[in-house]
Amino acid sequence: MTAKEYYMAGLGKLGAGDLEGAIVEFEKAVSDDASFYMAHLGWAQALDRQGKIDEAIEQVNLALQIVPDEALAHTSLSRLYQQKGMIEEAEEEMAISHKLSQNI
């Protein structure tokens, strides 16, 4: 399977509530294509749903290393920071996301 196919399988499992299965698929996608940032974001979403906020933040940060100008990743990071009560950081990330969205 290709990274995209693993990613799509991960999304399917995520939608079905199979969080562990989704993580396995997203991990395979990243192993197949280290630059596939969407797999990191999917992985982060699965971790978030498991309540593993710190690990989810790590995955979003990995995505941002690949695509620092991706508004969706900054929005995701903002939401995760909000959940941790890191309001100032969340607001900073949302401002970055908003600015990037304006440039589209």
C-alpha atoms as a PDB file:
ATOM      1  CA  MET A   1       0.000   0.000   0.000  1.00  0.00           C
ATOM      2  CA  THR A   2       1.044   3.606  -0.527  1.00  0.00           C
ATOM      3  CA  ALA A   3       1.211   6.294   2.129  1.00  0.00           C
ATOM      4  CA  LYS A   4      -2.027   7.775   0.800  1.00  0.00           C
ATOM      5  CA  GLU A   5      -3.755   4.388   1.000  1.00  0.00           C
ATOM      6  CA  TYR A   6      -2.575   3.910   4.592  1.00  0.00           C
ATOM      7  CA  TYR A   7      -3.797   7.423   5.360  1.00  0.00           C
ATOM      8  CA  MET A   8      -7.212   6.735   3.841  1.00  0.00           C
ATOM      9  CA  ALA A   9      -7.435   3.470   5.803  1.00  0.00           C
ATOM     10  CA  GLY A  10      -6.549   5.435   8.935  1.00  0.00           C
ATOM     11  CA  LEU A  11      -9.310   7.938   8.262  1.00  0.00           C
ATOM     12  CA  GLY A  12     -11.780   5.097   7.813  1.00  0.00           C
ATOM     13  CA  LYS A  13     -10.778   3.549  11.121  1.00  0.00           C
ATOM     14  CA  LEU A  14     -10.846   6.941  12.818  1.00  0.00           C
ATOM     15  CA  GLY A  15     -14.385   7.501  11.559  1.00  0.00           C
ATOM     16  CA  ALA A  16     -15.412   4.059  12.794  1.00  0.00           C
ATOM     17  CA  GLY A  17     -14.012   4.775  16.252  1.00  0.00           C
ATOM     18  CA  ASP A  18     -11.106   2.327  15.939  1.00  0.00           C
ATOM     19  CA  LEU A  19      -8.535   4.736  17.343  1.00  0.00           C
ATOM     20  CA  GLU A  20      -5.741   2.195  17.823  1.00  0.00           C
ATOM     21  CA  GLY A  21      -6.263   0.873  14.302  1.00  0.00           C
ATOM     22  CA  ALA A  22      -6.223   4.409  12.932  1.00  0.00           C
ATOM     23  CA  ILE A  23      -2.939   5.157  14.685  1.00  0.00           C
ATOM     24  CA  VAL A  24      -1.379   2.028  13.181  1.00  0.00           C
ATOM     25  CA  GLU A  25      -2.432   3.122   9.679  1.00  0.00           C
ATOM     26  CA  PHE A  26      -1.214   6.697  10.145  1.00  0.00           C
ATOM     27  CA  GLU A  27       2.103   5.393  11.468  1.00  0.00           C
ATOM     28  CA  LYS A  28       2.451   3.204   8.367  1.00  0.00           C
ATOM     29  CA  ALA A  29       1.713   6.214   6.152  1.00  0.00           C
ATOM     30  CA  VAL A  30       4.451   8.242   7.843  1.00  0.00           C
ATOM     31  CA  SER A  31       6.871   5.306   7.629  1.00  0.00           C
ATOM     32  CA  ASP A  32       6.170   5.032   3.900  1.00  0.00           C
ATOM     33  CA  ASP A  33       6.431   8.780   3.244  1.00  0.00           C
ATOM     34  CA  ALA A  34       8.070  10.886   5.945  1.00  0.00           C
ATOM     35  CA  SER A  35       6.838  14.095   4.272  1.00  0.00           C
ATOM     36  CA  PHE A  36       3.146  13.112   4.398  1.00  0.00           C
ATOM     37  CA  TYR A  37       2.107  15.690   6.967  1.00  0.00           C
ATOM     38  CA  MET A  38      -1.621  14.883   6.777  1.00  0.00           C
ATOM     39  CA  ALA A  39      -0.870  11.493   8.329  1.00  0.00           C
ATOM     40  CA  HIS A  40       0.674  13.285  11.310  1.00  0.00           C
ATOM     41  CA  LEU A  41      -2.480  15.392  11.634  1.00  0.00           C
ATOM     42  CA  GLY A  42      -4.705  12.315  11.457  1.00  0.00           C
ATOM     43  CA  TRP A  43      -2.513  10.603  14.028  1.00  0.00           C
ATOM     44  CA  ALA A  44      -2.846  13.666  16.256  1.00  0.00           C
ATOM     45  CA  GLN A  45      -6.623  13.554  15.958  1.00  0.00           C
ATOM     46  CA  ALA A  46      -6.712   9.903  17.029  1.00  0.00           C
ATOM     47  CA  LEU A  47      -4.429  10.632  19.983  1.00  0.00           C
ATOM     48  CA  ASP A  48      -6.591  13.605  20.945  1.00  0.00           C
ATOM     49  CA  ARG A  49      -9.676  11.393  20.993  1.00  0.00           C
ATOM     50  CA  GLN A  50      -7.793   9.031  23.312  1.00  0.00           C
ATOM     51  CA  GLY A  51      -7.068  11.929  25.634  1.00  0.00           C
ATOM     52  CA  LYS A  52      -3.344  11.857  24.844  1.00  0.00           C
ATOM     53  CA  ILE A  53      -3.036  15.596  24.301  1.00  0.00           C
ATOM     54  CA  ASP A  54       0.738  15.867  24.743  1.00  0.00           C
ATOM     55  CA  GLU A  55       1.333  13.113  22.190  1.00  0.00           C
ATOM     56  CA  ALA A  56      -1.149  14.768  19.826  1.00  0.00           C
ATOM     57  CA  ILE A  57       0.765  18.041  20.137  1.00  0.00           C
ATOM     58  CA  GLU A  58       3.965  16.181  19.224  1.00  0.00           C
ATOM     59  CA  GLN A  59       2.347  14.881  16.025  1.00  0.00           C
ATOM     60  CA  VAL A  60       1.069  18.320  15.040  1.00  0.00           C
ATOM     61  CA  ASN A  61       4.526  19.761  15.642  1.00  0.00           C
ATOM     62  CA  LEU A  62       5.989  17.080  13.367  1.00  0.00           C
ATOM     63  CA  ALA A  63       3.512  18.127  10.678  1.00  0.00           C
ATOM     64  CA  LEU A  64       4.529  21.756  11.169  1.00  0.00           C
ATOM     65  CA  GLN A  65       8.181  20.836  10.680  1.00  0.00           C
ATOM     66  CA  ILE A  66       7.184  19.583   7.229  1.00  0.00           C
ATOM     67  CA  VAL A  67       4.731  22.377   6.324  1.00  0.00           C
ATOM     68  CA  PRO A  68       5.184  25.376   8.637  1.00  0.00           C
ATOM     69  CA  ASP A  69       2.694  27.444   6.645  1.00  0.00           C
ATOM     70  CA  GLU A  70      -0.218  24.984   6.883  1.00  0.00           C
ATOM     71  CA  ALA A  71      -3.137  26.831   8.503  1.00  0.00           C
ATOM     72  CA  LEU A  72      -4.950  23.606   9.448  1.00  0.00           C
ATOM     73  CA  ALA A  73      -1.973  22.424  11.494  1.00  0.00           C
ATOM     74  CA  HIS A  74      -1.829  25.720  13.393  1.00  0.00           C
ATOM     75  CA  THR A  75      -5.577  25.503  14.044  1.00  0.00           C
ATOM     76  CA  SER A  76      -5.147  21.957  15.343  1.00  0.00           C
ATOM     77  CA  LEU A  77      -2.322  23.042  17.617  1.00  0.00           C
ATOM     78  CA  SER A  78      -4.419  25.943  18.901  1.00  0.00           C
ATOM     79  CA  ARG A  79      -7.279  23.604  19.782  1.00  0.00           C
ATOM     80  CA  LEU A  80      -4.940  21.214  21.590  1.00  0.00           C
ATOM     81  CA  TYR A  81      -3.354  24.062  23.529  1.00  0.00           C
ATOM     82  CA  GLN A  82      -6.843  25.226  24.565  1.00  0.00           C
ATOM     83  CA  GLN A  83      -7.585  21.766  25.932  1.00  0.00           C
ATOM     84  CA  LYS A  84      -4.446  21.992  28.059  1.00  0.00           C
ATOM     85  CA  GLY A  85      -5.405  25.440  29.335  1.00  0.00           C
ATOM     86  CA  MET A  86      -2.525  27.063  27.436  1.00  0.00           C
ATOM     87  CA  ILE A  87      -4.663  29.994  26.333  1.00  0.00           C
ATOM     88  CA  GLU A  88      -1.885  32.402  25.324  1.00  0.00           C
ATOM     89  CA  GLU A  89      -0.225  29.764  23.137  1.00  0.00           C
ATOM     90  CA  ALA A  90      -3.595  28.785  21.686  1.00  0.00           C
ATOM     91  CA  GLU A  91      -4.334  32.378  20.748  1.00  0.00           C
ATOM     92  CA  GLU A  92      -0.907  32.741  19.122  1.00  0.00           C
ATOM     93  CA  GLU A  93      -1.453  29.639  16.998  1.00  0.00           C
ATOM     94  CA  MET A  94      -4.943  30.766  15.997  1.00  0.00           C
ATOM     95  CA  ALA A  95      -3.542  34.152  14.946  1.00  0.00           C
ATOM     96  CA  ILE A  96      -0.945  32.391  12.786  1.00  0.00           C
ATOM     97  CA  SER A  97      -3.648  30.208  11.254  1.00  0.00           C
ATOM     98  CA  HIS A  98      -5.838  33.219  10.538  1.00  0.00           C
ATOM     99  CA  LYS A  99      -2.960  35.104   8.913  1.00  0.00           C
ATOM    100  CA  LEU A 100      -2.070  32.103   6.750  1.00  0.00           C
ATOM    101  CA  SER A 101      -5.709  31.660   5.744  1.00  0.00           C
ATOM    102  CA  GLN A 102      -5.830  35.277   4.593  1.00  0.00           C
ATOM    103  CA  ASN A 103      -2.900  34.592   2.253  1.00  0.00           C
ATOM    104  CA  ILE A 104      -4.701  31.835   0.349  1.00  0.00           C
END
